Amino acid sequence: RFTISREYAKNTVYLQMNSLKPEDT
């Protein structure tokens, strides 16, 4: 459901969260 990635040019890491559930709160 989740995907982690990074963009070196912006010194940024991302967490794409799909199909979120209440337990993800």
PDBML (XML) file of the C-alpha atoms, coordinates in Angstrom:
<?xml version="1.0" encoding="UTF-8" ?>
<PDBx:datablock datablockName="MODEL"
   xmlns:PDBx="http://pdbml.pdb.org/schema/pdbx-v50.xsd"
   xmlns:xsi="http://www.w3.org/2001/XMLSchema-instance"
   xsi:schemaLocation="http://pdbml.pdb.org/schema/pdbx-v50.xsd pdbx-v50.xsd">
   <PDBx:atom_siteCategory>
      <PDBx:atom_site id="1">
         <PDBx:B_iso_or_equiv>0.00</PDBx:B_iso_or_equiv>
         <PDBx:Cartn_x>0.000</PDBx:Cartn_x>
         <PDBx:Cartn_y>0.000</PDBx:Cartn_y>
         <PDBx:Cartn_z>0.000</PDBx:Cartn_z>
         <PDBx:auth_asym_id>A</PDBx:auth_asym_id>
         <PDBx:auth_atom_id>CA</PDBx:auth_atom_id>
         <PDBx:auth_comp_id>ARG</PDBx:auth_comp_id>
         <PDBx:auth_seq_id>1</PDBx:auth_seq_id>
         <PDBx:group_PDB>ATOM</PDBx:group_PDB>
         <PDBx:label_alt_id xsi:nil="true" />
         <PDBx:label_asym_id>A</PDBx:label_asym_id>
         <PDBx:label_atom_id>CA</PDBx:label_atom_id>
         <PDBx:label_comp_id>ARG</PDBx:label_comp_id>
         <PDBx:label_entity_id>1</PDBx:label_entity_id>
         <PDBx:label_seq_id>1</PDBx:label_seq_id>
         <PDBx:occupancy>1.00</PDBx:occupancy>
         <PDBx:pdbx_PDB_model_num>1</PDBx:pdbx_PDB_model_num>
         <PDBx:type_symbol>C</PDBx:type_symbol>
      </PDBx:atom_site>
      <PDBx:atom_site id="2">
         <PDBx:B_iso_or_equiv>0.00</PDBx:B_iso_or_equiv>
         <PDBx:Cartn_x>2.858</PDBx:Cartn_x>
         <PDBx:Cartn_y>2.391</PDBx:Cartn_y>
         <PDBx:Cartn_z>0.807</PDBx:Cartn_z>
         <PDBx:auth_asym_id>A</PDBx:auth_asym_id>
         <PDBx:auth_atom_id>CA</PDBx:auth_atom_id>
         <PDBx:auth_comp_id>PHE</PDBx:auth_comp_id>
         <PDBx:auth_seq_id>2</PDBx:auth_seq_id>
         <PDBx:group_PDB>ATOM</PDBx:group_PDB>
         <PDBx:label_alt_id xsi:nil="true" />
         <PDBx:label_asym_id>A</PDBx:label_asym_id>
         <PDBx:label_atom_id>CA</PDBx:label_atom_id>
         <PDBx:label_comp_id>PHE</PDBx:label_comp_id>
         <PDBx:label_entity_id>1</PDBx:label_entity_id>
         <PDBx:label_seq_id>2</PDBx:label_seq_id>
         <PDBx:occupancy>1.00</PDBx:occupancy>
         <PDBx:pdbx_PDB_model_num>1</PDBx:pdbx_PDB_model_num>
         <PDBx:type_symbol>C</PDBx:type_symbol>
      </PDBx:atom_site>
      <PDBx:atom_site id="3">
         <PDBx:B_iso_or_equiv>0.00</PDBx:B_iso_or_equiv>
         <PDBx:Cartn_x>5.849</PDBx:Cartn_x>
         <PDBx:Cartn_y>3.315</PDBx:Cartn_y>
         <PDBx:Cartn_z>-1.325</PDBx:Cartn_z>
         <PDBx:auth_asym_id>A</PDBx:auth_asym_id>
         <PDBx:auth_atom_id>CA</PDBx:auth_atom_id>
         <PDBx:auth_comp_id>THR</PDBx:auth_comp_id>
         <PDBx:auth_seq_id>3</PDBx:auth_seq_id>
         <PDBx:group_PDB>ATOM</PDBx:group_PDB>
         <PDBx:label_alt_id xsi:nil="true" />
         <PDBx:label_asym_id>A</PDBx:label_asym_id>
         <PDBx:label_atom_id>CA</PDBx:label_atom_id>
         <PDBx:label_comp_id>THR</PDBx:label_comp_id>
         <PDBx:label_entity_id>1</PDBx:label_entity_id>
         <PDBx:label_seq_id>3</PDBx:label_seq_id>
         <PDBx:occupancy>1.00</PDBx:occupancy>
         <PDBx:pdbx_PDB_model_num>1</PDBx:pdbx_PDB_model_num>
         <PDBx:type_symbol>C</PDBx:type_symbol>
      </PDBx:atom_site>
      <PDBx:atom_site id="4">
         <PDBx:B_iso_or_equiv>0.00</PDBx:B_iso_or_equiv>
         <PDBx:Cartn_x>8.958</PDBx:Cartn_x>
         <PDBx:Cartn_y>5.133</PDBx:Cartn_y>
         <PDBx:Cartn_z>-0.167</PDBx:Cartn_z>
         <PDBx:auth_asym_id>A</PDBx:auth_asym_id>
         <PDBx:auth_atom_id>CA</PDBx:auth_atom_id>
         <PDBx:auth_comp_id>ILE</PDBx:auth_comp_id>
         <PDBx:auth_seq_id>4</PDBx:auth_seq_id>
         <PDBx:group_PDB>ATOM</PDBx:group_PDB>
         <PDBx:label_alt_id xsi:nil="true" />
         <PDBx:label_asym_id>A</PDBx:label_asym_id>
         <PDBx:label_atom_id>CA</PDBx:label_atom_id>
         <PDBx:label_comp_id>ILE</PDBx:label_comp_id>
         <PDBx:label_entity_id>1</PDBx:label_entity_id>
         <PDBx:label_seq_id>4</PDBx:label_seq_id>
         <PDBx:occupancy>1.00</PDBx:occupancy>
         <PDBx:pdbx_PDB_model_num>1</PDBx:pdbx_PDB_model_num>
         <PDBx:type_symbol>C</PDBx:type_symbol>
      </PDBx:atom_site>
      <PDBx:atom_site id="5">
         <PDBx:B_iso_or_equiv>0.00</PDBx:B_iso_or_equiv>
         <PDBx:Cartn_x>11.117</PDBx:Cartn_x>
         <PDBx:Cartn_y>7.037</PDBx:Cartn_y>
         <PDBx:Cartn_z>-2.630</PDBx:Cartn_z>
         <PDBx:auth_asym_id>A</PDBx:auth_asym_id>
         <PDBx:auth_atom_id>CA</PDBx:auth_atom_id>
         <PDBx:auth_comp_id>SER</PDBx:auth_comp_id>
         <PDBx:auth_seq_id>5</PDBx:auth_seq_id>
         <PDBx:group_PDB>ATOM</PDBx:group_PDB>
         <PDBx:label_alt_id xsi:nil="true" />
         <PDBx:label_asym_id>A</PDBx:label_asym_id>
         <PDBx:label_atom_id>CA</PDBx:label_atom_id>
         <PDBx:label_comp_id>SER</PDBx:label_comp_id>
         <PDBx:label_entity_id>1</PDBx:label_entity_id>
         <PDBx:label_seq_id>5</PDBx:label_seq_id>
         <PDBx:occupancy>1.00</PDBx:occupancy>
         <PDBx:pdbx_PDB_model_num>1</PDBx:pdbx_PDB_model_num>
         <PDBx:type_symbol>C</PDBx:type_symbol>
      </PDBx:atom_site>
      <PDBx:atom_site id="6">
         <PDBx:B_iso_or_equiv>0.00</PDBx:B_iso_or_equiv>
         <PDBx:Cartn_x>13.613</PDBx:Cartn_x>
         <PDBx:Cartn_y>9.858</PDBx:Cartn_y>
         <PDBx:Cartn_z>-2.711</PDBx:Cartn_z>
         <PDBx:auth_asym_id>A</PDBx:auth_asym_id>
         <PDBx:auth_atom_id>CA</PDBx:auth_atom_id>
         <PDBx:auth_comp_id>ARG</PDBx:auth_comp_id>
         <PDBx:auth_seq_id>6</PDBx:auth_seq_id>
         <PDBx:group_PDB>ATOM</PDBx:group_PDB>
         <PDBx:label_alt_id xsi:nil="true" />
         <PDBx:label_asym_id>A</PDBx:label_asym_id>
         <PDBx:label_atom_id>CA</PDBx:label_atom_id>
         <PDBx:label_comp_id>ARG</PDBx:label_comp_id>
         <PDBx:label_entity_id>1</PDBx:label_entity_id>
         <PDBx:label_seq_id>6</PDBx:label_seq_id>
         <PDBx:occupancy>1.00</PDBx:occupancy>
         <PDBx:pdbx_PDB_model_num>1</PDBx:pdbx_PDB_model_num>
         <PDBx:type_symbol>C</PDBx:type_symbol>
      </PDBx:atom_site>
      <PDBx:atom_site id="7">
         <PDBx:B_iso_or_equiv>0.00</PDBx:B_iso_or_equiv>
         <PDBx:Cartn_x>14.447</PDBx:Cartn_x>
         <PDBx:Cartn_y>12.787</PDBx:Cartn_y>
         <PDBx:Cartn_z>-4.950</PDBx:Cartn_z>
         <PDBx:auth_asym_id>A</PDBx:auth_asym_id>
         <PDBx:auth_atom_id>CA</PDBx:auth_atom_id>
         <PDBx:auth_comp_id>GLU</PDBx:auth_comp_id>
         <PDBx:auth_seq_id>7</PDBx:auth_seq_id>
         <PDBx:group_PDB>ATOM</PDBx:group_PDB>
         <PDBx:label_alt_id xsi:nil="true" />
         <PDBx:label_asym_id>A</PDBx:label_asym_id>
         <PDBx:label_atom_id>CA</PDBx:label_atom_id>
         <PDBx:label_comp_id>GLU</PDBx:label_comp_id>
         <PDBx:label_entity_id>1</PDBx:label_entity_id>
         <PDBx:label_seq_id>7</PDBx:label_seq_id>
         <PDBx:occupancy>1.00</PDBx:occupancy>
         <PDBx:pdbx_PDB_model_num>1</PDBx:pdbx_PDB_model_num>
         <PDBx:type_symbol>C</PDBx:type_symbol>
      </PDBx:atom_site>
      <PDBx:atom_site id="8">
         <PDBx:B_iso_or_equiv>0.00</PDBx:B_iso_or_equiv>
         <PDBx:Cartn_x>18.104</PDBx:Cartn_x>
         <PDBx:Cartn_y>13.639</PDBx:Cartn_y>
         <PDBx:Cartn_z>-4.569</PDBx:Cartn_z>
         <PDBx:auth_asym_id>A</PDBx:auth_asym_id>
         <PDBx:auth_atom_id>CA</PDBx:auth_atom_id>
         <PDBx:auth_comp_id>TYR</PDBx:auth_comp_id>
         <PDBx:auth_seq_id>8</PDBx:auth_seq_id>
         <PDBx:group_PDB>ATOM</PDBx:group_PDB>
         <PDBx:label_alt_id xsi:nil="true" />
         <PDBx:label_asym_id>A</PDBx:label_asym_id>
         <PDBx:label_atom_id>CA</PDBx:label_atom_id>
         <PDBx:label_comp_id>TYR</PDBx:label_comp_id>
         <PDBx:label_entity_id>1</PDBx:label_entity_id>
         <PDBx:label_seq_id>8</PDBx:label_seq_id>
         <PDBx:occupancy>1.00</PDBx:occupancy>
         <PDBx:pdbx_PDB_model_num>1</PDBx:pdbx_PDB_model_num>
         <PDBx:type_symbol>C</PDBx:type_symbol>
      </PDBx:atom_site>
      <PDBx:atom_site id="9">
         <PDBx:B_iso_or_equiv>0.00</PDBx:B_iso_or_equiv>
         <PDBx:Cartn_x>17.943</PDBx:Cartn_x>
         <PDBx:Cartn_y>16.983</PDBx:Cartn_y>
         <PDBx:Cartn_z>-6.354</PDBx:Cartn_z>
         <PDBx:auth_asym_id>A</PDBx:auth_asym_id>
         <PDBx:auth_atom_id>CA</PDBx:auth_atom_id>
         <PDBx:auth_comp_id>ALA</PDBx:auth_comp_id>
         <PDBx:auth_seq_id>9</PDBx:auth_seq_id>
         <PDBx:group_PDB>ATOM</PDBx:group_PDB>
         <PDBx:label_alt_id xsi:nil="true" />
         <PDBx:label_asym_id>A</PDBx:label_asym_id>
         <PDBx:label_atom_id>CA</PDBx:label_atom_id>
         <PDBx:label_comp_id>ALA</PDBx:label_comp_id>
         <PDBx:label_entity_id>1</PDBx:label_entity_id>
         <PDBx:label_seq_id>9</PDBx:label_seq_id>
         <PDBx:occupancy>1.00</PDBx:occupancy>
         <PDBx:pdbx_PDB_model_num>1</PDBx:pdbx_PDB_model_num>
         <PDBx:type_symbol>C</PDBx:type_symbol>
      </PDBx:atom_site>
      <PDBx:atom_site id="10">
         <PDBx:B_iso_or_equiv>0.00</PDBx:B_iso_or_equiv>
         <PDBx:Cartn_x>15.532</PDBx:Cartn_x>
         <PDBx:Cartn_y>18.253</PDBx:Cartn_y>
         <PDBx:Cartn_z>-3.712</PDBx:Cartn_z>
         <PDBx:auth_asym_id>A</PDBx:auth_asym_id>
         <PDBx:auth_atom_id>CA</PDBx:auth_atom_id>
         <PDBx:auth_comp_id>LYS</PDBx:auth_comp_id>
         <PDBx:auth_seq_id>10</PDBx:auth_seq_id>
         <PDBx:group_PDB>ATOM</PDBx:group_PDB>
         <PDBx:label_alt_id xsi:nil="true" />
         <PDBx:label_asym_id>A</PDBx:label_asym_id>
         <PDBx:label_atom_id>CA</PDBx:label_atom_id>
         <PDBx:label_comp_id>LYS</PDBx:label_comp_id>
         <PDBx:label_entity_id>1</PDBx:label_entity_id>
         <PDBx:label_seq_id>10</PDBx:label_seq_id>
         <PDBx:occupancy>1.00</PDBx:occupancy>
         <PDBx:pdbx_PDB_model_num>1</PDBx:pdbx_PDB_model_num>
         <PDBx:type_symbol>C</PDBx:type_symbol>
      </PDBx:atom_site>
      <PDBx:atom_site id="11">
         <PDBx:B_iso_or_equiv>0.00</PDBx:B_iso_or_equiv>
         <PDBx:Cartn_x>16.928</PDBx:Cartn_x>
         <PDBx:Cartn_y>16.377</PDBx:Cartn_y>
         <PDBx:Cartn_z>-0.704</PDBx:Cartn_z>
         <PDBx:auth_asym_id>A</PDBx:auth_asym_id>
         <PDBx:auth_atom_id>CA</PDBx:auth_atom_id>
         <PDBx:auth_comp_id>ASN</PDBx:auth_comp_id>
         <PDBx:auth_seq_id>11</PDBx:auth_seq_id>
         <PDBx:group_PDB>ATOM</PDBx:group_PDB>
         <PDBx:label_alt_id xsi:nil="true" />
         <PDBx:label_asym_id>A</PDBx:label_asym_id>
         <PDBx:label_atom_id>CA</PDBx:label_atom_id>
         <PDBx:label_comp_id>ASN</PDBx:label_comp_id>
         <PDBx:label_entity_id>1</PDBx:label_entity_id>
         <PDBx:label_seq_id>11</PDBx:label_seq_id>
         <PDBx:occupancy>1.00</PDBx:occupancy>
         <PDBx:pdbx_PDB_model_num>1</PDBx:pdbx_PDB_model_num>
         <PDBx:type_symbol>C</PDBx:type_symbol>
      </PDBx:atom_site>
      <PDBx:atom_site id="12">
         <PDBx:B_iso_or_equiv>0.00</PDBx:B_iso_or_equiv>
         <PDBx:Cartn_x>13.483</PDBx:Cartn_x>
         <PDBx:Cartn_y>14.966</PDBx:Cartn_y>
         <PDBx:Cartn_z>-0.175</PDBx:Cartn_z>
         <PDBx:auth_asym_id>A</PDBx:auth_asym_id>
         <PDBx:auth_atom_id>CA</PDBx:auth_atom_id>
         <PDBx:auth_comp_id>THR</PDBx:auth_comp_id>
         <PDBx:auth_seq_id>12</PDBx:auth_seq_id>
         <PDBx:group_PDB>ATOM</PDBx:group_PDB>
         <PDBx:label_alt_id xsi:nil="true" />
         <PDBx:label_asym_id>A</PDBx:label_asym_id>
         <PDBx:label_atom_id>CA</PDBx:label_atom_id>
         <PDBx:label_comp_id>THR</PDBx:label_comp_id>
         <PDBx:label_entity_id>1</PDBx:label_entity_id>
         <PDBx:label_seq_id>12</PDBx:label_seq_id>
         <PDBx:occupancy>1.00</PDBx:occupancy>
         <PDBx:pdbx_PDB_model_num>1</PDBx:pdbx_PDB_model_num>
         <PDBx:type_symbol>C</PDBx:type_symbol>
      </PDBx:atom_site>
      <PDBx:atom_site id="13">
         <PDBx:B_iso_or_equiv>0.00</PDBx:B_iso_or_equiv>
         <PDBx:Cartn_x>12.084</PDBx:Cartn_x>
         <PDBx:Cartn_y>11.569</PDBx:Cartn_y>
         <PDBx:Cartn_z>0.701</PDBx:Cartn_z>
         <PDBx:auth_asym_id>A</PDBx:auth_asym_id>
         <PDBx:auth_atom_id>CA</PDBx:auth_atom_id>
         <PDBx:auth_comp_id>VAL</PDBx:auth_comp_id>
         <PDBx:auth_seq_id>13</PDBx:auth_seq_id>
         <PDBx:group_PDB>ATOM</PDBx:group_PDB>
         <PDBx:label_alt_id xsi:nil="true" />
         <PDBx:label_asym_id>A</PDBx:label_asym_id>
         <PDBx:label_atom_id>CA</PDBx:label_atom_id>
         <PDBx:label_comp_id>VAL</PDBx:label_comp_id>
         <PDBx:label_entity_id>1</PDBx:label_entity_id>
         <PDBx:label_seq_id>13</PDBx:label_seq_id>
         <PDBx:occupancy>1.00</PDBx:occupancy>
         <PDBx:pdbx_PDB_model_num>1</PDBx:pdbx_PDB_model_num>
         <PDBx:type_symbol>C</PDBx:type_symbol>
      </PDBx:atom_site>
      <PDBx:atom_site id="14">
         <PDBx:B_iso_or_equiv>0.00</PDBx:B_iso_or_equiv>
         <PDBx:Cartn_x>8.462</PDBx:Cartn_x>
         <PDBx:Cartn_y>10.674</PDBx:Cartn_y>
         <PDBx:Cartn_z>0.053</PDBx:Cartn_z>
         <PDBx:auth_asym_id>A</PDBx:auth_asym_id>
         <PDBx:auth_atom_id>CA</PDBx:auth_atom_id>
         <PDBx:auth_comp_id>TYR</PDBx:auth_comp_id>
         <PDBx:auth_seq_id>14</PDBx:auth_seq_id>
         <PDBx:group_PDB>ATOM</PDBx:group_PDB>
         <PDBx:label_alt_id xsi:nil="true" />
         <PDBx:label_asym_id>A</PDBx:label_asym_id>
         <PDBx:label_atom_id>CA</PDBx:label_atom_id>
         <PDBx:label_comp_id>TYR</PDBx:label_comp_id>
         <PDBx:label_entity_id>1</PDBx:label_entity_id>
         <PDBx:label_seq_id>14</PDBx:label_seq_id>
         <PDBx:occupancy>1.00</PDBx:occupancy>
         <PDBx:pdbx_PDB_model_num>1</PDBx:pdbx_PDB_model_num>
         <PDBx:type_symbol>C</PDBx:type_symbol>
      </PDBx:atom_site>
      <PDBx:atom_site id="15">
         <PDBx:B_iso_or_equiv>0.00</PDBx:B_iso_or_equiv>
         <PDBx:Cartn_x>5.960</PDBx:Cartn_x>
         <PDBx:Cartn_y>8.246</PDBx:Cartn_y>
         <PDBx:Cartn_z>1.421</PDBx:Cartn_z>
         <PDBx:auth_asym_id>A</PDBx:auth_asym_id>
         <PDBx:auth_atom_id>CA</PDBx:auth_atom_id>
         <PDBx:auth_comp_id>LEU</PDBx:auth_comp_id>
         <PDBx:auth_seq_id>15</PDBx:auth_seq_id>
         <PDBx:group_PDB>ATOM</PDBx:group_PDB>
         <PDBx:label_alt_id xsi:nil="true" />
         <PDBx:label_asym_id>A</PDBx:label_asym_id>
         <PDBx:label_atom_id>CA</PDBx:label_atom_id>
         <PDBx:label_comp_id>LEU</PDBx:label_comp_id>
         <PDBx:label_entity_id>1</PDBx:label_entity_id>
         <PDBx:label_seq_id>15</PDBx:label_seq_id>
         <PDBx:occupancy>1.00</PDBx:occupancy>
         <PDBx:pdbx_PDB_model_num>1</PDBx:pdbx_PDB_model_num>
         <PDBx:type_symbol>C</PDBx:type_symbol>
      </PDBx:atom_site>
      <PDBx:atom_site id="16">
         <PDBx:B_iso_or_equiv>0.00</PDBx:B_iso_or_equiv>
         <PDBx:Cartn_x>3.115</PDBx:Cartn_x>
         <PDBx:Cartn_y>7.516</PDBx:Cartn_y>
         <PDBx:Cartn_z>-0.952</PDBx:Cartn_z>
         <PDBx:auth_asym_id>A</PDBx:auth_asym_id>
         <PDBx:auth_atom_id>CA</PDBx:auth_atom_id>
         <PDBx:auth_comp_id>GLN</PDBx:auth_comp_id>
         <PDBx:auth_seq_id>16</PDBx:auth_seq_id>
         <PDBx:group_PDB>ATOM</PDBx:group_PDB>
         <PDBx:label_alt_id xsi:nil="true" />
         <PDBx:label_asym_id>A</PDBx:label_asym_id>
         <PDBx:label_atom_id>CA</PDBx:label_atom_id>
         <PDBx:label_comp_id>GLN</PDBx:label_comp_id>
         <PDBx:label_entity_id>1</PDBx:label_entity_id>
         <PDBx:label_seq_id>16</PDBx:label_seq_id>
         <PDBx:occupancy>1.00</PDBx:occupancy>
         <PDBx:pdbx_PDB_model_num>1</PDBx:pdbx_PDB_model_num>
         <PDBx:type_symbol>C</PDBx:type_symbol>
      </PDBx:atom_site>
      <PDBx:atom_site id="17">
         <PDBx:B_iso_or_equiv>0.00</PDBx:B_iso_or_equiv>
         <PDBx:Cartn_x>0.237</PDBx:Cartn_x>
         <PDBx:Cartn_y>6.057</PDBx:Cartn_y>
         <PDBx:Cartn_z>1.024</PDBx:Cartn_z>
         <PDBx:auth_asym_id>A</PDBx:auth_asym_id>
         <PDBx:auth_atom_id>CA</PDBx:auth_atom_id>
         <PDBx:auth_comp_id>MET</PDBx:auth_comp_id>
         <PDBx:auth_seq_id>17</PDBx:auth_seq_id>
         <PDBx:group_PDB>ATOM</PDBx:group_PDB>
         <PDBx:label_alt_id xsi:nil="true" />
         <PDBx:label_asym_id>A</PDBx:label_asym_id>
         <PDBx:label_atom_id>CA</PDBx:label_atom_id>
         <PDBx:label_comp_id>MET</PDBx:label_comp_id>
         <PDBx:label_entity_id>1</PDBx:label_entity_id>
         <PDBx:label_seq_id>17</PDBx:label_seq_id>
         <PDBx:occupancy>1.00</PDBx:occupancy>
         <PDBx:pdbx_PDB_model_num>1</PDBx:pdbx_PDB_model_num>
         <PDBx:type_symbol>C</PDBx:type_symbol>
      </PDBx:atom_site>
      <PDBx:atom_site id="18">
         <PDBx:B_iso_or_equiv>0.00</PDBx:B_iso_or_equiv>
         <PDBx:Cartn_x>-2.600</PDBx:Cartn_x>
         <PDBx:Cartn_y>4.369</PDBx:Cartn_y>
         <PDBx:Cartn_z>-0.826</PDBx:Cartn_z>
         <PDBx:auth_asym_id>A</PDBx:auth_asym_id>
         <PDBx:auth_atom_id>CA</PDBx:auth_atom_id>
         <PDBx:auth_comp_id>ASN</PDBx:auth_comp_id>
         <PDBx:auth_seq_id>18</PDBx:auth_seq_id>
         <PDBx:group_PDB>ATOM</PDBx:group_PDB>
         <PDBx:label_alt_id xsi:nil="true" />
         <PDBx:label_asym_id>A</PDBx:label_asym_id>
         <PDBx:label_atom_id>CA</PDBx:label_atom_id>
         <PDBx:label_comp_id>ASN</PDBx:label_comp_id>
         <PDBx:label_entity_id>1</PDBx:label_entity_id>
         <PDBx:label_seq_id>18</PDBx:label_seq_id>
         <PDBx:occupancy>1.00</PDBx:occupancy>
         <PDBx:pdbx_PDB_model_num>1</PDBx:pdbx_PDB_model_num>
         <PDBx:type_symbol>C</PDBx:type_symbol>
      </PDBx:atom_site>
      <PDBx:atom_site id="19">
         <PDBx:B_iso_or_equiv>0.00</PDBx:B_iso_or_equiv>
         <PDBx:Cartn_x>-5.679</PDBx:Cartn_x>
         <PDBx:Cartn_y>2.520</PDBx:Cartn_y>
         <PDBx:Cartn_z>0.378</PDBx:Cartn_z>
         <PDBx:auth_asym_id>A</PDBx:auth_asym_id>
         <PDBx:auth_atom_id>CA</PDBx:auth_atom_id>
         <PDBx:auth_comp_id>SER</PDBx:auth_comp_id>
         <PDBx:auth_seq_id>19</PDBx:auth_seq_id>
         <PDBx:group_PDB>ATOM</PDBx:group_PDB>
         <PDBx:label_alt_id xsi:nil="true" />
         <PDBx:label_asym_id>A</PDBx:label_asym_id>
         <PDBx:label_atom_id>CA</PDBx:label_atom_id>
         <PDBx:label_comp_id>SER</PDBx:label_comp_id>
         <PDBx:label_entity_id>1</PDBx:label_entity_id>
         <PDBx:label_seq_id>19</PDBx:label_seq_id>
         <PDBx:occupancy>1.00</PDBx:occupancy>
         <PDBx:pdbx_PDB_model_num>1</PDBx:pdbx_PDB_model_num>
         <PDBx:type_symbol>C</PDBx:type_symbol>
      </PDBx:atom_site>
      <PDBx:atom_site id="20">
         <PDBx:B_iso_or_equiv>0.00</PDBx:B_iso_or_equiv>
         <PDBx:Cartn_x>-5.450</PDBx:Cartn_x>
         <PDBx:Cartn_y>4.183</PDBx:Cartn_y>
         <PDBx:Cartn_z>3.747</PDBx:Cartn_z>
         <PDBx:auth_asym_id>A</PDBx:auth_asym_id>
         <PDBx:auth_atom_id>CA</PDBx:auth_atom_id>
         <PDBx:auth_comp_id>LEU</PDBx:auth_comp_id>
         <PDBx:auth_seq_id>20</PDBx:auth_seq_id>
         <PDBx:group_PDB>ATOM</PDBx:group_PDB>
         <PDBx:label_alt_id xsi:nil="true" />
         <PDBx:label_asym_id>A</PDBx:label_asym_id>
         <PDBx:label_atom_id>CA</PDBx:label_atom_id>
         <PDBx:label_comp_id>LEU</PDBx:label_comp_id>
         <PDBx:label_entity_id>1</PDBx:label_entity_id>
         <PDBx:label_seq_id>20</PDBx:label_seq_id>
         <PDBx:occupancy>1.00</PDBx:occupancy>
         <PDBx:pdbx_PDB_model_num>1</PDBx:pdbx_PDB_model_num>
         <PDBx:type_symbol>C</PDBx:type_symbol>
      </PDBx:atom_site>
      <PDBx:atom_site id="21">
         <PDBx:B_iso_or_equiv>0.00</PDBx:B_iso_or_equiv>
         <PDBx:Cartn_x>-7.120</PDBx:Cartn_x>
         <PDBx:Cartn_y>2.521</PDBx:Cartn_y>
         <PDBx:Cartn_z>6.702</PDBx:Cartn_z>
         <PDBx:auth_asym_id>A</PDBx:auth_asym_id>
         <PDBx:auth_atom_id>CA</PDBx:auth_atom_id>
         <PDBx:auth_comp_id>LYS</PDBx:auth_comp_id>
         <PDBx:auth_seq_id>21</PDBx:auth_seq_id>
         <PDBx:group_PDB>ATOM</PDBx:group_PDB>
         <PDBx:label_alt_id xsi:nil="true" />
         <PDBx:label_asym_id>A</PDBx:label_asym_id>
         <PDBx:label_atom_id>CA</PDBx:label_atom_id>
         <PDBx:label_comp_id>LYS</PDBx:label_comp_id>
         <PDBx:label_entity_id>1</PDBx:label_entity_id>
         <PDBx:label_seq_id>21</PDBx:label_seq_id>
         <PDBx:occupancy>1.00</PDBx:occupancy>
         <PDBx:pdbx_PDB_model_num>1</PDBx:pdbx_PDB_model_num>
         <PDBx:type_symbol>C</PDBx:type_symbol>
      </PDBx:atom_site>
      <PDBx:atom_site id="22">
         <PDBx:B_iso_or_equiv>0.00</PDBx:B_iso_or_equiv>
         <PDBx:Cartn_x>-8.220</PDBx:Cartn_x>
         <PDBx:Cartn_y>3.930</PDBx:Cartn_y>
         <PDBx:Cartn_z>10.060</PDBx:Cartn_z>
         <PDBx:auth_asym_id>A</PDBx:auth_asym_id>
         <PDBx:auth_atom_id>CA</PDBx:auth_atom_id>
         <PDBx:auth_comp_id>PRO</PDBx:auth_comp_id>
         <PDBx:auth_seq_id>22</PDBx:auth_seq_id>
         <PDBx:group_PDB>ATOM</PDBx:group_PDB>
         <PDBx:label_alt_id xsi:nil="true" />
         <PDBx:label_asym_id>A</PDBx:label_asym_id>
         <PDBx:label_atom_id>CA</PDBx:label_atom_id>
         <PDBx:label_comp_id>PRO</PDBx:label_comp_id>
         <PDBx:label_entity_id>1</PDBx:label_entity_id>
         <PDBx:label_seq_id>22</PDBx:label_seq_id>
         <PDBx:occupancy>1.00</PDBx:occupancy>
         <PDBx:pdbx_PDB_model_num>1</PDBx:pdbx_PDB_model_num>
         <PDBx:type_symbol>C</PDBx:type_symbol>
      </PDBx:atom_site>
      <PDBx:atom_site id="23">
         <PDBx:B_iso_or_equiv>0.00</PDBx:B_iso_or_equiv>
         <PDBx:Cartn_x>-5.439</PDBx:Cartn_x>
         <PDBx:Cartn_y>1.912</PDBx:Cartn_y>
         <PDBx:Cartn_z>11.667</PDBx:Cartn_z>
         <PDBx:auth_asym_id>A</PDBx:auth_asym_id>
         <PDBx:auth_atom_id>CA</PDBx:auth_atom_id>
         <PDBx:auth_comp_id>GLU</PDBx:auth_comp_id>
         <PDBx:auth_seq_id>23</PDBx:auth_seq_id>
         <PDBx:group_PDB>ATOM</PDBx:group_PDB>
         <PDBx:label_alt_id xsi:nil="true" />
         <PDBx:label_asym_id>A</PDBx:label_asym_id>
         <PDBx:label_atom_id>CA</PDBx:label_atom_id>
         <PDBx:label_comp_id>GLU</PDBx:label_comp_id>
         <PDBx:label_entity_id>1</PDBx:label_entity_id>
         <PDBx:label_seq_id>23</PDBx:label_seq_id>
         <PDBx:occupancy>1.00</PDBx:occupancy>
         <PDBx:pdbx_PDB_model_num>1</PDBx:pdbx_PDB_model_num>
         <PDBx:type_symbol>C</PDBx:type_symbol>
      </PDBx:atom_site>
      <PDBx:atom_site id="24">
         <PDBx:B_iso_or_equiv>0.00</PDBx:B_iso_or_equiv>
         <PDBx:Cartn_x>-2.951</PDBx:Cartn_x>
         <PDBx:Cartn_y>4.065</PDBx:Cartn_y>
         <PDBx:Cartn_z>9.732</PDBx:Cartn_z>
         <PDBx:auth_asym_id>A</PDBx:auth_asym_id>
         <PDBx:auth_atom_id>CA</PDBx:auth_atom_id>
         <PDBx:auth_comp_id>ASP</PDBx:auth_comp_id>
         <PDBx:auth_seq_id>24</PDBx:auth_seq_id>
         <PDBx:group_PDB>ATOM</PDBx:group_PDB>
         <PDBx:label_alt_id xsi:nil="true" />
         <PDBx:label_asym_id>A</PDBx:label_asym_id>
         <PDBx:label_atom_id>CA</PDBx:label_atom_id>
         <PDBx:label_comp_id>ASP</PDBx:label_comp_id>
         <PDBx:label_entity_id>1</PDBx:label_entity_id>
         <PDBx:label_seq_id>24</PDBx:label_seq_id>
         <PDBx:occupancy>1.00</PDBx:occupancy>
         <PDBx:pdbx_PDB_model_num>1</PDBx:pdbx_PDB_model_num>
         <PDBx:type_symbol>C</PDBx:type_symbol>
      </PDBx:atom_site>
      <PDBx:atom_site id="25">
         <PDBx:B_iso_or_equiv>0.00</PDBx:B_iso_or_equiv>
         <PDBx:Cartn_x>-3.915</PDBx:Cartn_x>
         <PDBx:Cartn_y>7.067</PDBx:Cartn_y>
         <PDBx:Cartn_z>11.858</PDBx:Cartn_z>
         <PDBx:auth_asym_id>A</PDBx:auth_asym_id>
         <PDBx:auth_atom_id>CA</PDBx:auth_atom_id>
         <PDBx:auth_comp_id>THR</PDBx:auth_comp_id>
         <PDBx:auth_seq_id>25</PDBx:auth_seq_id>
         <PDBx:group_PDB>ATOM</PDBx:group_PDB>
         <PDBx:label_alt_id xsi:nil="true" />
         <PDBx:label_asym_id>A</PDBx:label_asym_id>
         <PDBx:label_atom_id>CA</PDBx:label_atom_id>
         <PDBx:label_comp_id>THR</PDBx:label_comp_id>
         <PDBx:label_entity_id>1</PDBx:label_entity_id>
         <PDBx:label_seq_id>25</PDBx:label_seq_id>
         <PDBx:occupancy>1.00</PDBx:occupancy>
         <PDBx:pdbx_PDB_model_num>1</PDBx:pdbx_PDB_model_num>
         <PDBx:type_symbol>C</PDBx:type_symbol>
      </PDBx:atom_site>
   </PDBx:atom_siteCategory>
</PDBx:datablock>
